Amino acid sequence: MNEWQPIETAPKDGTDIIVMYIHIDTQCVHAAFWLEDEDDPSETGWWTYDWNEVGRVLMTDDYTPTHWMPLPEGPK
């Protein structure tokens, strides 16, 4: 599976994936993961990394992903 898939089919188990959305006619691509927070529903959703693997940003509104694909295998 190396083609973009609808975001509704993306894994929601915390797996890192590549997500895409359109913003001002530009295709934006990010590594992201789904996080479900039962204690705080406002924290539930697609997250991307903010400059490093520790910082993260909730992807909402104009930045909500519409498509996804698996991360490629890393270099050897």
N, C-alpha and C. Protein backbone atom coordinates (compact mmCIF):
# COMPACT_ATOMS: atom_id res chain seq x y z
N MET A 1 0.86 -1.19 0.00
CA MET A 1 0.00 0.00 0.00
C MET A 1 0.89 1.24 0.00
N ASN A 2 1.18 1.79 -1.15
CA ASN A 2 1.99 2.99 -1.27
C ASN A 2 1.21 4.14 -1.85
N GLU A 3 -0.10 4.09 -1.76
CA GLU A 3 -0.95 5.16 -2.26
C GLU A 3 -1.68 5.80 -1.09
N TRP A 4 -2.07 7.05 -1.26
CA TRP A 4 -2.84 7.74 -0.21
C TRP A 4 -4.17 7.03 0.00
N GLN A 5 -4.54 6.87 1.25
CA GLN A 5 -5.79 6.25 1.65
C GLN A 5 -6.64 7.29 2.41
N PRO A 6 -7.97 7.15 2.41
CA PRO A 6 -8.81 8.07 3.19
C PRO A 6 -8.45 7.97 4.67
N ILE A 7 -8.44 9.10 5.35
CA ILE A 7 -8.02 9.14 6.76
C ILE A 7 -8.90 8.24 7.64
N GLU A 8 -10.14 8.00 7.21
CA GLU A 8 -11.04 7.15 7.99
C GLU A 8 -10.51 5.72 8.12
N THR A 9 -9.60 5.32 7.23
CA THR A 9 -9.07 3.96 7.26
C THR A 9 -7.73 3.86 8.00
N ALA A 10 -7.24 4.98 8.52
CA ALA A 10 -5.93 5.01 9.17
C ALA A 10 -5.96 4.28 10.52
N PRO A 11 -4.85 3.69 10.92
CA PRO A 11 -4.79 3.03 12.23
C PRO A 11 -4.91 4.05 13.36
N LYS A 12 -5.65 3.68 14.38
CA LYS A 12 -5.83 4.56 15.54
C LYS A 12 -5.29 3.88 16.79
N ASP A 13 -4.10 3.29 16.64
CA ASP A 13 -3.48 2.57 17.76
C ASP A 13 -2.16 3.21 18.19
N GLY A 14 -1.92 4.46 17.75
CA GLY A 14 -0.69 5.15 18.11
C GLY A 14 0.44 4.95 17.12
N THR A 15 0.20 4.18 16.06
CA THR A 15 1.22 3.94 15.03
C THR A 15 1.58 5.25 14.33
N ASP A 16 2.86 5.50 14.13
CA ASP A 16 3.28 6.65 13.33
C ASP A 16 2.96 6.39 11.87
N ILE A 17 2.35 7.38 11.22
CA ILE A 17 2.00 7.29 9.80
C ILE A 17 2.31 8.63 9.15
N ILE A 18 2.15 8.72 7.85
CA ILE A 18 2.24 10.00 7.14
C ILE A 18 0.80 10.45 6.86
N VAL A 19 0.51 11.72 7.17
CA VAL A 19 -0.82 12.26 6.90
C VAL A 19 -0.69 13.47 5.97
N MET A 20 -1.79 13.79 5.29
CA MET A 20 -1.80 14.89 4.33
C MET A 20 -3.10 15.68 4.48
N TYR A 21 -3.01 16.99 4.30
CA TYR A 21 -4.18 17.86 4.21
C TYR A 21 -3.83 18.97 3.23
N ILE A 22 -4.84 19.65 2.72
CA ILE A 22 -4.64 20.78 1.81
C ILE A 22 -4.87 22.06 2.59
N HIS A 23 -3.91 22.98 2.52
CA HIS A 23 -4.04 24.28 3.18
C HIS A 23 -3.59 25.36 2.19
N ILE A 24 -4.50 26.25 1.87
CA ILE A 24 -4.25 27.33 0.90
C ILE A 24 -3.66 26.75 -0.39
N ASP A 25 -4.35 25.76 -0.94
CA ASP A 25 -3.96 25.12 -2.21
C ASP A 25 -2.59 24.44 -2.17
N THR A 26 -2.10 24.12 -0.98
CA THR A 26 -0.81 23.46 -0.84
C THR A 26 -0.99 22.12 -0.15
N GLN A 27 -0.40 21.09 -0.69
CA GLN A 27 -0.43 19.77 -0.06
C GLN A 27 0.59 19.77 1.08
N CYS A 28 0.11 19.58 2.31
CA CYS A 28 0.98 19.56 3.49
C CYS A 28 1.06 18.13 4.01
N VAL A 29 2.27 17.68 4.30
CA VAL A 29 2.50 16.30 4.71
C VAL A 29 3.27 16.30 6.03
N HIS A 30 2.83 15.45 6.96
CA HIS A 30 3.46 15.36 8.27
C HIS A 30 3.49 13.91 8.74
N ALA A 31 4.48 13.57 9.54
CA ALA A 31 4.40 12.33 10.31
C ALA A 31 3.42 12.61 11.44
N ALA A 32 2.55 11.65 11.74
CA ALA A 32 1.53 11.88 12.76
C ALA A 32 1.11 10.56 13.40
N PHE A 33 0.31 10.67 14.45
CA PHE A 33 -0.23 9.49 15.14
C PHE A 33 -1.55 9.88 15.79
N TRP A 34 -2.40 8.90 16.04
CA TRP A 34 -3.69 9.12 16.70
C TRP A 34 -3.51 8.91 18.19
N LEU A 35 -4.07 9.82 18.98
CA LEU A 35 -4.04 9.69 20.44
C LEU A 35 -5.46 9.82 20.96
N GLU A 36 -5.86 8.87 21.76
CA GLU A 36 -7.20 8.90 22.38
C GLU A 36 -7.01 9.14 23.87
N ASP A 37 -7.55 10.25 24.38
CA ASP A 37 -7.43 10.58 25.80
C ASP A 37 -8.80 10.52 26.43
N GLU A 38 -9.08 9.42 27.13
CA GLU A 38 -10.40 9.23 27.74
C GLU A 38 -10.67 10.26 28.83
N ASP A 39 -9.62 10.76 29.50
CA ASP A 39 -9.79 11.74 30.57
C ASP A 39 -10.03 13.15 30.05
N ASP A 40 -9.56 13.44 28.85
CA ASP A 40 -9.72 14.78 28.26
C ASP A 40 -10.01 14.65 26.77
N PRO A 41 -11.29 14.54 26.39
CA PRO A 41 -11.66 14.37 24.98
C PRO A 41 -11.11 15.46 24.05
N SER A 42 -10.82 16.65 24.58
CA SER A 42 -10.26 17.72 23.73
C SER A 42 -8.84 17.40 23.28
N GLU A 43 -8.21 16.42 23.92
CA GLU A 43 -6.86 15.99 23.56
C GLU A 43 -6.88 14.83 22.57
N THR A 44 -8.07 14.33 22.23
CA THR A 44 -8.18 13.18 21.33
C THR A 44 -8.13 13.64 19.88
N GLY A 45 -7.32 12.96 19.07
CA GLY A 45 -7.27 13.27 17.65
C GLY A 45 -5.92 12.98 17.05
N TRP A 46 -5.70 13.53 15.83
CA TRP A 46 -4.44 13.35 15.12
C TRP A 46 -3.43 14.36 15.64
N TRP A 47 -2.24 13.89 15.95
CA TRP A 47 -1.16 14.73 16.45
C TRP A 47 0.03 14.63 15.50
N THR A 48 0.76 15.73 15.35
CA THR A 48 2.01 15.73 14.62
C THR A 48 3.10 16.22 15.55
N TYR A 49 4.33 16.01 15.15
CA TYR A 49 5.47 16.38 16.00
C TYR A 49 5.85 17.83 15.77
N ASP A 50 6.22 18.52 16.85
CA ASP A 50 6.60 19.92 16.80
C ASP A 50 8.11 20.03 17.01
N TRP A 51 8.87 19.91 15.94
CA TRP A 51 10.33 20.03 15.93
C TRP A 51 11.07 18.84 16.53
N ASN A 52 10.42 18.01 17.33
CA ASN A 52 11.09 16.85 17.90
C ASN A 52 10.06 15.82 18.31
N GLU A 53 10.50 14.65 18.73
CA GLU A 53 9.55 13.60 19.06
C GLU A 53 8.86 13.80 20.41
N VAL A 54 9.28 14.80 21.18
CA VAL A 54 8.65 15.05 22.48
C VAL A 54 7.53 16.07 22.36
N GLY A 55 7.77 17.18 21.63
CA GLY A 55 6.74 18.18 21.44
C GLY A 55 5.74 17.70 20.40
N ARG A 56 4.47 18.07 20.56
CA ARG A 56 3.47 17.63 19.59
C ARG A 56 2.38 18.69 19.46
N VAL A 57 1.66 18.64 18.34
CA VAL A 57 0.61 19.61 18.03
C VAL A 57 -0.62 18.85 17.56
N LEU A 58 -1.78 19.18 18.13
CA LEU A 58 -3.05 18.57 17.71
C LEU A 58 -3.44 19.14 16.35
N MET A 59 -3.73 18.26 15.40
CA MET A 59 -4.09 18.68 14.05
C MET A 59 -5.62 18.82 13.97
N THR A 60 -6.10 20.05 13.97
CA THR A 60 -7.54 20.32 13.93
C THR A 60 -7.85 21.41 12.90
N ASP A 61 -9.14 21.62 12.71
CA ASP A 61 -9.64 22.68 11.83
C ASP A 61 -9.02 22.57 10.43
N ASP A 62 -8.36 23.62 9.95
CA ASP A 62 -7.77 23.61 8.61
C ASP A 62 -6.64 22.60 8.47
N TYR A 63 -6.15 22.08 9.57
CA TYR A 63 -5.00 21.17 9.57
C TYR A 63 -5.40 19.71 9.81
N THR A 64 -6.68 19.42 9.73
CA THR A 64 -7.16 18.05 9.94
C THR A 64 -6.79 17.20 8.73
N PRO A 65 -6.08 16.09 8.96
CA PRO A 65 -5.68 15.24 7.83
C PRO A 65 -6.89 14.67 7.09
N THR A 66 -6.72 14.54 5.77
CA THR A 66 -7.76 13.94 4.94
C THR A 66 -7.33 12.59 4.37
N HIS A 67 -5.99 12.36 4.32
CA HIS A 67 -5.45 11.12 3.74
C HIS A 67 -4.23 10.67 4.54
N TRP A 68 -3.87 9.42 4.35
CA TRP A 68 -2.71 8.87 5.06
C TRP A 68 -2.05 7.77 4.24
N MET A 69 -0.82 7.43 4.65
CA MET A 69 -0.13 6.25 4.13
C MET A 69 0.89 5.82 5.20
N PRO A 70 1.32 4.57 5.16
CA PRO A 70 2.30 4.12 6.14
C PRO A 70 3.64 4.81 5.94
N LEU A 71 4.40 4.91 7.01
CA LEU A 71 5.77 5.41 6.88
C LEU A 71 6.58 4.42 6.05
N PRO A 72 7.46 4.93 5.20
CA PRO A 72 8.32 3.99 4.46
C PRO A 72 9.34 3.38 5.41
N GLU A 73 9.94 2.31 4.98
CA GLU A 73 11.00 1.69 5.78
C GLU A 73 12.18 2.66 5.82
N GLY A 74 12.83 2.76 6.97
CA GLY A 74 13.96 3.67 7.13
C GLY A 74 15.17 3.18 6.34
N PRO A 75 16.15 4.08 6.14
CA PRO A 75 17.34 3.70 5.40
C PRO A 75 18.15 2.67 6.18
N LYS A 76 18.89 1.89 5.47
CA LYS A 76 19.71 0.84 6.09
C LYS A 76 21.13 1.32 6.23
